[in-house]
Structures are given as structure tokens and as C-alpha cells.
PDB file of N, CA and C in Angstrom:
ATOM      1  N   MET A   1     -18.093 -10.594 -31.592  1.00  0.00           N
ATOM      2  CA  MET A   1     -16.735 -10.299 -31.207  1.00  0.00           C
ATOM      3  C   MET A   1     -16.626 -10.339 -29.685  1.00  0.00           C
ATOM      4  N   SER A   2     -15.597 -11.015 -29.210  1.00  0.00           N
ATOM      5  CA  SER A   2     -15.394 -11.179 -27.783  1.00  0.00           C
ATOM      6  C   SER A   2     -14.268 -10.268 -27.310  1.00  0.00           C
ATOM      7  N   ILE A   3     -14.480  -9.635 -26.173  1.00  0.00           N
ATOM      8  CA  ILE A   3     -13.449  -8.783 -25.586  1.00  0.00           C
ATOM      9  C   ILE A   3     -12.689  -9.619 -24.574  1.00  0.00           C
ATOM     10  N   VAL A   4     -11.370  -9.663 -24.709  1.00  0.00           N
ATOM     11  CA  VAL A   4     -10.534 -10.432 -23.795  1.00  0.00           C
ATOM     12  C   VAL A   4      -9.905  -9.482 -22.798  1.00  0.00           C
ATOM     13  N   SER A   5     -10.112  -9.765 -21.546  1.00  0.00           N
ATOM     14  CA  SER A   5      -9.568  -8.935 -20.483  1.00  0.00           C
ATOM     15  C   SER A   5      -8.122  -9.333 -20.198  1.00  0.00           C
ATOM     16  N   PRO A   6      -7.272  -8.376 -19.888  1.00  0.00           N
ATOM     17  CA  PRO A   6      -5.897  -8.717 -19.517  1.00  0.00           C
ATOM     18  C   PRO A   6      -5.797  -9.292 -18.107  1.00  0.00           C
ATOM     19  N   PHE A   7      -6.884  -9.242 -17.372  1.00  0.00           N
ATOM     20  CA  PHE A   7      -6.866  -9.706 -16.003  1.00  0.00           C
ATOM     21  C   PHE A   7      -7.322 -11.162 -15.936  1.00  0.00           C
ATOM     22  N   PRO A   8      -6.444 -12.074 -15.442  1.00  0.00           N
ATOM     23  CA  PRO A   8      -6.772 -13.497 -15.431  1.00  0.00           C
ATOM     24  C   PRO A   8      -8.064 -13.837 -14.705  1.00  0.00           C
ATOM     25  N   SER A   9      -8.368 -13.166 -13.589  1.00  0.00           N
ATOM     26  CA  SER A   9      -9.571 -13.521 -12.842  1.00  0.00           C
ATOM     27  C   SER A   9     -10.831 -13.253 -13.653  1.00  0.00           C
ATOM     28  N   SER A  10     -10.838 -12.187 -14.457  1.00  0.00           N
ATOM     29  CA  SER A  10     -12.019 -11.912 -15.268  1.00  0.00           C
ATOM     30  C   SER A  10     -12.124 -12.909 -16.413  1.00  0.00           C
ATOM     31  N   ARG A  11     -10.980 -13.383 -16.938  1.00  0.00           N
ATOM     32  CA  ARG A  11     -11.016 -14.416 -17.980  1.00  0.00           C
ATOM     33  C   ARG A  11     -11.583 -15.707 -17.410  1.00  0.00           C
ATOM     34  N   ILE A  12     -11.213 -16.028 -16.177  1.00  0.00           N
ATOM     35  CA  ILE A  12     -11.717 -17.244 -15.549  1.00  0.00           C
ATOM     36  C   ILE A  12     -13.237 -17.172 -15.440  1.00  0.00           C
ATOM     37  N   ARG A  13     -13.760 -16.024 -14.989  1.00  0.00           N
ATOM     38  CA  ARG A  13     -15.212 -15.895 -14.848  1.00  0.00           C
ATOM     39  C   ARG A  13     -15.893 -15.933 -16.211  1.00  0.00           C
ATOM     40  N   SER A  14     -15.313 -15.264 -17.210  1.00  0.00           N
ATOM     41  CA  SER A  14     -15.977 -15.181 -18.505  1.00  0.00           C
ATOM     42  C   SER A  14     -15.910 -16.490 -19.282  1.00  0.00           C
ATOM     43  N   GLU A  15     -14.924 -17.347 -18.983  1.00  0.00           N
ATOM     44  CA  GLU A  15     -14.810 -18.622 -19.680  1.00  0.00           C
ATOM     45  C   GLU A  15     -15.596 -19.718 -18.974  1.00  0.00           C
ATOM     46  N   GLY A  16     -16.301 -19.383 -17.950  1.00  0.00           N
ATOM     47  CA  GLY A  16     -17.176 -20.334 -17.292  1.00  0.00           C
ATOM     48  C   GLY A  16     -16.517 -21.155 -16.193  1.00  0.00           C
ATOM     49  N   PHE A  17     -15.279 -20.868 -15.847  1.00  0.00           N
ATOM     50  CA  PHE A  17     -14.635 -21.583 -14.755  1.00  0.00           C
ATOM     51  C   PHE A  17     -15.193 -21.057 -13.443  1.00  0.00           C
ATOM     52  N   SER A  18     -15.304 -21.934 -12.492  1.00  0.00           N
ATOM     53  CA  SER A  18     -15.734 -21.491 -11.171  1.00  0.00           C
ATOM     54  C   SER A  18     -14.816 -22.134 -10.147  1.00  0.00           C
ATOM     55  N   ARG A  19     -14.844 -21.601  -8.958  1.00  0.00           N
ATOM     56  CA  ARG A  19     -14.032 -22.189  -7.902  1.00  0.00           C
ATOM     57  C   ARG A  19     -14.845 -22.276  -6.635  1.00  0.00           C
ATOM     58  N   SER A  20     -14.549 -23.291  -5.873  1.00  0.00           N
ATOM     59  CA  SER A  20     -15.253 -23.488  -4.613  1.00  0.00           C
ATOM     60  C   SER A  20     -14.649 -22.557  -3.562  1.00  0.00           C
ATOM     61  N   ALA A  21     -15.298 -22.496  -2.430  1.00  0.00           N
ATOM     62  CA  ALA A  21     -14.788 -21.672  -1.333  1.00  0.00           C
ATOM     63  C   ALA A  21     -13.433 -22.183  -0.874  1.00  0.00           C
ATOM     64  N   LEU A  22     -13.247 -23.510  -0.865  1.00  0.00           N
ATOM     65  CA  LEU A  22     -11.961 -24.086  -0.470  1.00  0.00           C
ATOM     66  C   LEU A  22     -10.874 -23.713  -1.476  1.00  0.00           C
ATOM     67  N   GLN A  23     -11.202 -23.778  -2.771  1.00  0.00           N
ATOM     68  CA  GLN A  23     -10.233 -23.382  -3.799  1.00  0.00           C
ATOM     69  C   GLN A  23      -9.869 -21.908  -3.656  1.00  0.00           C
ATOM     70  N   ALA A  24     -10.848 -21.081  -3.355  1.00  0.00           N
ATOM     71  CA  ALA A  24     -10.597 -19.643  -3.186  1.00  0.00           C
ATOM     72  C   ALA A  24      -9.657 -19.409  -2.008  1.00  0.00           C
ATOM     73  N   ARG A  25      -9.864 -20.136  -0.911  1.00  0.00           N
ATOM     74  CA  ARG A  25      -8.991 -19.995   0.254  1.00  0.00           C
ATOM     75  C   ARG A  25      -7.582 -20.471  -0.059  1.00  0.00           C
ATOM     76  N   LYS A  26      -7.473 -21.634  -0.729  1.00  0.00           N
ATOM     77  CA  LYS A  26      -6.145 -22.156  -1.084  1.00  0.00           C
ATOM     78  C   LYS A  26      -5.421 -21.187  -2.015  1.00  0.00           C
ATOM     79  N   ARG A  27      -6.150 -20.655  -2.970  1.00  0.00           N
ATOM     80  CA  ARG A  27      -5.562 -19.705  -3.919  1.00  0.00           C
ATOM     81  C   ARG A  27      -5.095 -18.450  -3.184  1.00  0.00           C
ATOM     82  N   ALA A  28      -5.894 -17.963  -2.253  1.00  0.00           N
ATOM     83  CA  ALA A  28      -5.515 -16.778  -1.486  1.00  0.00           C
ATOM     84  C   ALA A  28      -4.262 -17.054  -0.657  1.00  0.00           C
ATOM     85  N   VAL A  29      -4.147 -18.249  -0.085  1.00  0.00           N
ATOM     86  CA  VAL A  29      -2.975 -18.601   0.714  1.00  0.00           C
ATOM     87  C   VAL A  29      -1.726 -18.640  -0.166  1.00  0.00           C
ATOM     88  N   VAL A  30      -1.808 -19.308  -1.326  1.00  0.00           N
ATOM     89  CA  VAL A  30      -0.655 -19.415  -2.223  1.00  0.00           C
ATOM     90  C   VAL A  30      -0.240 -18.037  -2.747  1.00  0.00           C
ATOM     91  N   LYS A  31      -1.226 -17.228  -3.173  1.00  0.00           N
ATOM     92  CA  LYS A  31      -0.916 -15.880  -3.657  1.00  0.00           C
ATOM     93  C   LYS A  31      -0.250 -15.056  -2.558  1.00  0.00           C
ATOM     94  N   THR A  32      -0.768 -15.155  -1.355  1.00  0.00           N
ATOM     95  CA  THR A  32      -0.232 -14.400  -0.233  1.00  0.00           C
ATOM     96  C   THR A  32       1.202 -14.803   0.058  1.00  0.00           C
ATOM     97  N   LEU A  33       1.466 -16.105   0.118  1.00  0.00           N
ATOM     98  CA  LEU A  33       2.810 -16.576   0.438  1.00  0.00           C
ATOM     99  C   LEU A  33       3.824 -16.209  -0.651  1.00  0.00           C
ATOM    100  N   CYS A  34       3.442 -16.342  -1.898  1.00  0.00           N
ATOM    101  CA  CYS A  34       4.341 -15.961  -3.001  1.00  0.00           C
ATOM    102  C   CYS A  34       4.660 -14.472  -2.963  1.00  0.00           C
ATOM    103  N   TYR A  35       3.640 -13.676  -2.780  1.00  0.00           N
ATOM    104  CA  TYR A  35       3.839 -12.227  -2.717  1.00  0.00           C
ATOM    105  C   TYR A  35       4.709 -11.856  -1.520  1.00  0.00           C
ATOM    106  N   ARG A  36       4.433 -12.452  -0.378  1.00  0.00           N
ATOM    107  CA  ARG A  36       5.188 -12.116   0.819  1.00  0.00           C
ATOM    108  C   ARG A  36       6.643 -12.538   0.692  1.00  0.00           C
ATOM    109  N   LEU A  37       6.929 -13.625  -0.004  1.00  0.00           N
ATOM    110  CA  LEU A  37       8.312 -14.039  -0.206  1.00  0.00           C
ATOM    111  C   LEU A  37       9.096 -12.954  -0.951  1.00  0.00           C
ATOM    112  N   VAL A  38       8.487 -12.410  -1.983  1.00  0.00           N
ATOM    113  CA  VAL A  38       9.117 -11.317  -2.727  1.00  0.00           C
ATOM    114  C   VAL A  38       9.299 -10.108  -1.808  1.00  0.00           C
ATOM    115  N   MET A  39       8.308  -9.824  -0.994  1.00  0.00           N
ATOM    116  CA  MET A  39       8.392  -8.672  -0.094  1.00  0.00           C
ATOM    117  C   MET A  39       9.442  -8.867   0.997  1.00  0.00           C
ATOM    118  N   VAL A  40       9.649 -10.096   1.457  1.00  0.00           N
ATOM    119  CA  VAL A  40      10.695 -10.361   2.454  1.00  0.00           C
ATOM    120  C   VAL A  40      12.057  -9.996   1.873  1.00  0.00           C
ATOM    121  N   VAL A  41      12.295 -10.418   0.641  1.00  0.00           N
ATOM    122  CA  VAL A  41      13.579 -10.126   0.000  1.00  0.00           C
ATOM    123  C   VAL A  41      13.782  -8.613  -0.128  1.00  0.00           C
ATOM    124  N   ILE A  42      12.745  -7.908  -0.579  1.00  0.00           N
ATOM    125  CA  ILE A  42      12.856  -6.451  -0.735  1.00  0.00           C
ATOM    126  C   ILE A  42      13.061  -5.767   0.612  1.00  0.00           C
ATOM    127  N   THR A  43      12.281  -6.161   1.617  1.00  0.00           N
ATOM    128  CA  THR A  43      12.399  -5.547   2.944  1.00  0.00           C
ATOM    129  C   THR A  43      13.768  -5.822   3.550  1.00  0.00           C
ATOM    130  N   ASP A  44      14.255  -7.065   3.403  1.00  0.00           N
ATOM    131  CA  ASP A  44      15.585  -7.393   3.927  1.00  0.00           C
ATOM    132  C   ASP A  44      16.662  -6.542   3.266  1.00  0.00           C
ATOM    133  N   PHE A  45      16.564  -6.369   1.966  1.00  0.00           N
ATOM    134  CA  PHE A  45      17.561  -5.572   1.252  1.00  0.00           C
ATOM    135  C   PHE A  45      17.544  -4.122   1.724  1.00  0.00           C
ATOM    136  N   VAL A  46      16.363  -3.549   1.796  1.00  0.00           N
ATOM    137  CA  VAL A  46      16.257  -2.143   2.234  1.00  0.00           C
ATOM    138  C   VAL A  46      16.738  -2.002   3.678  1.00  0.00           C
ATOM    139  N   ALA A  47      16.348  -2.928   4.549  1.00  0.00           N
ATOM    140  CA  ALA A  47      16.786  -2.870   5.945  1.00  0.00           C
ATOM    141  C   ALA A  47      18.302  -3.028   6.038  1.00  0.00           C
ATOM    142  N   TRP A  48      18.886  -3.875   5.216  1.00  0.00           N
ATOM    143  CA  TRP A  48      20.340  -4.067   5.211  1.00  0.00           C
ATOM    144  C   TRP A  48      21.056  -2.782   4.794  1.00  0.00           C
ATOM    145  N   VAL A  49      20.507  -2.111   3.774  1.00  0.00           N
ATOM    146  CA  VAL A  49      21.097  -0.843   3.327  1.00  0.00           C
ATOM    147  C   VAL A  49      21.002   0.205   4.430  1.00  0.00           C
ATOM    148  N   VAL A  50      19.877   0.245   5.136  1.00  0.00           N
ATOM    149  CA  VAL A  50      19.659   1.277   6.161  1.00  0.00           C
ATOM    150  C   VAL A  50      20.451   0.993   7.437  1.00  0.00           C
ATOM    151  N   VAL A  51      20.363  -0.237   7.965  1.00  0.00           N
ATOM    152  CA  VAL A  51      21.003  -0.530   9.252  1.00  0.00           C
ATOM    153  C   VAL A  51      22.417  -1.057   9.112  1.00  0.00           C
ATOM    154  N   GLY A  52      22.766  -1.597   7.957  1.00  0.00           N
ATOM    155  CA  GLY A  52      24.133  -2.055   7.717  1.00  0.00           C
ATOM    156  C   GLY A  52      24.461  -3.442   8.234  1.00  0.00           C
ATOM    157  N   GLY A  53      23.620  -4.012   9.051  1.00  0.00           N
ATOM    158  CA  GLY A  53      23.881  -5.351   9.578  1.00  0.00           C
ATOM    159  C   GLY A  53      22.931  -6.365   8.969  1.00  0.00           C
ATOM    160  N   LEU A  54      23.478  -7.456   8.449  1.00  0.00           N
ATOM    161  CA  LEU A  54      22.647  -8.468   7.795  1.00  0.00           C
ATOM    162  C   LEU A  54      21.700  -9.152   8.779  1.00  0.00           C
ATOM    163  N   GLY A  55      22.194  -9.473   9.970  1.00  0.00           N
ATOM    164  CA  GLY A  55      21.343 -10.127  10.978  1.00  0.00           C
ATOM    165  C   GLY A  55      20.161  -9.268  11.378  1.00  0.00           C
ATOM    166  N   ASP A  56      20.424  -8.000  11.629  1.00  0.00           N
ATOM    167  CA  ASP A  56      19.344  -7.074  11.983  1.00  0.00           C
ATOM    168  C   ASP A  56      18.361  -6.911  10.824  1.00  0.00           C
ATOM    169  N   ALA A  57      18.899  -6.856   9.614  1.00  0.00           N
ATOM    170  CA  ALA A  57      18.040  -6.702   8.433  1.00  0.00           C
ATOM    171  C   ALA A  57      17.113  -7.895   8.278  1.00  0.00           C
ATOM    172  N   VAL A  58      17.631  -9.090   8.469  1.00  0.00           N
ATOM    173  CA  VAL A  58      16.796 -10.298   8.353  1.00  0.00           C
ATOM    174  C   VAL A  58      15.722 -10.302   9.432  1.00  0.00           C
ATOM    175  N   ASN A  59      16.079  -9.937  10.656  1.00  0.00           N
ATOM    176  CA  ASN A  59      15.087  -9.881  11.740  1.00  0.00           C
ATOM    177  C   ASN A  59      13.984  -8.870  11.433  1.00  0.00           C
ATOM    178  N   ILE A  60      14.365  -7.713  10.947  1.00  0.00           N
ATOM    179  CA  ILE A  60      13.375  -6.689  10.575  1.00  0.00           C
ATOM    180  C   ILE A  60      12.478  -7.216   9.463  1.00  0.00           C
ATOM    181  N   GLY A  61      13.082  -7.776   8.427  1.00  0.00           N
ATOM    182  CA  GLY A  61      12.318  -8.287   7.285  1.00  0.00           C
ATOM    183  C   GLY A  61      11.354  -9.385   7.665  1.00  0.00           C
ATOM    184  N   LEU A  62      11.808 -10.320   8.477  1.00  0.00           N
ATOM    185  CA  LEU A  62      10.930 -11.427   8.869  1.00  0.00           C
ATOM    186  C   LEU A  62       9.796 -10.961   9.773  1.00  0.00           C
ATOM    187  N   ALA A  63      10.109 -10.136  10.767  1.00  0.00           N
ATOM    188  CA  ALA A  63       9.067  -9.663  11.685  1.00  0.00           C
ATOM    189  C   ALA A  63       8.005  -8.857  10.940  1.00  0.00           C
ATOM    190  N   ALA A  64       8.450  -7.948  10.094  1.00  0.00           N
ATOM    191  CA  ALA A  64       7.496  -7.119   9.358  1.00  0.00           C
ATOM    192  C   ALA A  64       6.624  -7.963   8.447  1.00  0.00           C
ATOM    193  N   ASN A  65       7.208  -8.949   7.817  1.00  0.00           N
ATOM    194  CA  ASN A  65       6.454  -9.725   6.845  1.00  0.00           C
ATOM    195  C   ASN A  65       5.563 -10.802   7.449  1.00  0.00           C
ATOM    196  N   VAL A  66       5.857 -11.257   8.639  1.00  0.00           N
ATOM    197  CA  VAL A  66       4.933 -12.168   9.316  1.00  0.00           C
ATOM    198  C   VAL A  66       3.617 -11.442   9.581  1.00  0.00           C
ATOM    199  N   VAL A  67       3.719 -10.212  10.093  1.00  0.00           N
ATOM    200  CA  VAL A  67       2.516  -9.411  10.352  1.00  0.00           C
ATOM    201  C   VAL A  67       1.795  -9.094   9.040  1.00  0.00           C
ATOM    202  N   LYS A  68       2.538  -8.699   8.022  1.00  0.00           N
ATOM    203  CA  LYS A  68       1.935  -8.324   6.748  1.00  0.00           C
ATOM    204  C   LYS A  68       1.289  -9.511   6.043  1.00  0.00           C
ATOM    205  N   THR A  69       1.846 -10.705   6.209  1.00  0.00           N
ATOM    206  CA  THR A  69       1.262 -11.900   5.589  1.00  0.00           C
ATOM    207  C   THR A  69      -0.133 -12.151   6.140  1.00  0.00           C
ATOM    208  N   GLY A  70      -0.269 -12.073   7.442  1.00  0.00           N
ATOM    209  CA  GLY A  70      -1.585 -12.273   8.053  1.00  0.00           C
ATOM    210  C   GLY A  70      -2.591 -11.219   7.631  1.00  0.00           C
ATOM    211  N   THR A  71      -2.174  -9.986   7.620  1.00  0.00           N
ATOM    212  CA  THR A  71      -3.110  -8.930   7.230  1.00  0.00           C
ATOM    213  C   THR A  71      -3.462  -9.008   5.748  1.00  0.00           C
ATOM    214  N   ASP A  72      -2.515  -9.412   4.906  1.00  0.00           N
ATOM    215  CA  ASP A  72      -2.797  -9.555   3.482  1.00  0.00           C
ATOM    216  C   ASP A  72      -3.811 -10.667   3.234  1.00  0.00           C
ATOM    217  N   TYR A  73      -3.676 -11.780   3.936  1.00  0.00           N
ATOM    218  CA  TYR A  73      -4.617 -12.893   3.779  1.00  0.00           C
ATOM    219  C   TYR A  73      -6.028 -12.462   4.199  1.00  0.00           C
ATOM    220  N   VAL A  74      -6.145 -11.797   5.338  1.00  0.00           N
ATOM    221  CA  VAL A  74      -7.452 -11.320   5.802  1.00  0.00           C
ATOM    222  C   VAL A  74      -8.040 -10.328   4.801  1.00  0.00           C
ATOM    223  N   TYR A  75      -7.220  -9.449   4.274  1.00  0.00           N
ATOM    224  CA  TYR A  75      -7.663  -8.464   3.291  1.00  0.00           C
ATOM    225  C   TYR A  75      -8.197  -9.150   2.028  1.00  0.00           C
ATOM    226  N   GLU A  76      -7.437 -10.131   1.509  1.00  0.00           N
ATOM    227  CA  GLU A  76      -7.877 -10.873   0.321  1.00  0.00           C
ATOM    228  C   GLU A  76      -9.205 -11.590   0.566  1.00  0.00           C
ATOM    229  N   ARG A  77      -9.318 -12.255   1.696  1.00  0.00           N
ATOM    230  CA  ARG A  77     -10.533 -13.009   2.011  1.00  0.00           C
ATOM    231  C   ARG A  77     -11.714 -12.064   2.200  1.00  0.00           C
ATOM    232  N   THR A  78     -11.478 -10.891   2.752  1.00  0.00           N
ATOM    233  CA  THR A  78     -12.551  -9.912   2.908  1.00  0.00           C
ATOM    234  C   THR A  78     -13.071  -9.490   1.545  1.00  0.00           C
ATOM    235  N   TRP A  79     -12.173  -9.207   0.604  1.00  0.00           N
ATOM    236  CA  TRP A  79     -12.585  -8.802  -0.734  1.00  0.00           C
ATOM    237  C   TRP A  79     -13.297  -9.920  -1.481  1.00  0.00           C
ATOM    238  N   ASP A  80     -13.053 -11.182  -1.141  1.00  0.00           N
ATOM    239  CA  ASP A  80     -13.789 -12.287  -1.754  1.00  0.00           C
ATOM    240  C   ASP A  80     -15.280 -12.235  -1.419  1.00  0.00           C
ATOM    241  N   HIS A  81     -15.623 -11.512  -0.352  1.00  0.00           N
ATOM    242  CA  HIS A  81     -17.021 -11.409   0.070  1.00  0.00           C
ATOM    243  C   HIS A  81     -17.670 -10.090  -0.334  1.00  0.00           C
ATOM    244  N   ILE A  82     -16.958  -9.276  -1.069  1.00  0.00           N
ATOM    245  CA  ILE A  82     -17.483  -7.982  -1.518  1.00  0.00           C
ATOM    246  C   ILE A  82     -17.793  -8.083  -3.004  1.00  0.00           C
ATOM    247  N   SER A  83     -19.023  -7.818  -3.360  1.00  0.00           N
ATOM    248  CA  SER A  83     -19.436  -7.979  -4.756  1.00  0.00           C
ATOM    249  C   SER A  83     -19.345  -6.682  -5.563  1.00  0.00           C
ATOM    250  N   TRP A  84     -18.828  -5.642  -4.980  1.00  0.00           N
ATOM    251  CA  TRP A  84     -18.720  -4.356  -5.639  1.00  0.00           C
ATOM    252  C   TRP A  84     -17.964  -4.492  -6.970  1.00  0.00           C
ATOM    253  N   CYS A  85     -18.522  -3.973  -8.017  1.00  0.00           N
ATOM    254  CA  CYS A  85     -17.942  -3.953  -9.363  1.00  0.00           C
ATOM    255  C   CYS A  85     -17.806  -5.323 -10.012  1.00  0.00           C
ATOM    256  N   LEU A  86     -18.480  -6.316  -9.513  1.00  0.00           N
ATOM    257  CA  LEU A  86     -18.487  -7.626 -10.143  1.00  0.00           C
ATOM    258  C   LEU A  86     -19.804  -7.779 -10.884  1.00  0.00           C
ATOM    259  N   SER A  87     -19.732  -8.252 -12.098  1.00  0.00           N
ATOM    260  CA  SER A  87     -20.964  -8.469 -12.849  1.00  0.00           C
ATOM    261  C   SER A  87     -21.482  -9.866 -12.553  1.00  0.00           C
ATOM    262  N   THR A  88     -22.788 -10.004 -12.636  1.00  0.00           N
ATOM    263  CA  THR A  88     -23.395 -11.318 -12.446  1.00  0.00           C
ATOM    264  C   THR A  88     -23.530 -12.003 -13.801  1.00  0.00           C
ATOM    265  N   PRO A  89     -23.415 -13.342 -13.828  1.00  0.00           N
ATOM    266  CA  PRO A  89     -23.536 -14.053 -15.103  1.00  0.00           C
ATOM    267  C   PRO A  89     -24.913 -13.842 -15.720  1.00  0.00           C
ATOM    268  N   ALA A  90     -24.919 -13.710 -17.028  1.00  0.00           N
ATOM    269  CA  ALA A  90     -26.196 -13.469 -17.737  1.00  0.00           C
ATOM    270  C   ALA A  90     -26.952 -14.753 -17.955  1.00  0.00           C
TER     271      ALA A  90
END
């Protein structure tokens, strides 16, 4: 009997798929950009509610998310080099 994990990354490892370092970097970039796009929309909305001006809200949202995008990418790449709680193939 096989246990199926709800987490896609563990399914990828258990099904024998592997990725190169370049694929890992590309994947981290795409994940980061998609996530940050959602966060820009949320930050802009909250800033618009708080400050009342759409222009100011967009400036706040973009500035905050440019910084957060870079830090998120570095964070993801750092965790790619940490083997904590990862099992090795048998």
C-alpha cells in the first residue's frame, strides 16, 4: 500500500522525478512572481482602504512587493540547500 502525500513536492520526489539546479531556480522564480502578484493586489487594496488614494496605494504596494519579491526568492533558494526533514531515497 502506497501513501500519497497531499504535498506536490513530496509526490514529485516519491514518483522518481528529479530536477536540475537550473529547473529549481526557474521554478523558484515562477513561484515567487506568481505569489508576489497576488500579494501586490492584496497590499494595494489594503493600502487603498487605509490611505484612501489609489495612486498612493499603488506606490505603497509596488515598493513593498519589490523588496518582498527579492527576499522571498533568496529565502526559497536558501531552503533548497537545507536538507532538514528531507528523506534520502532508499
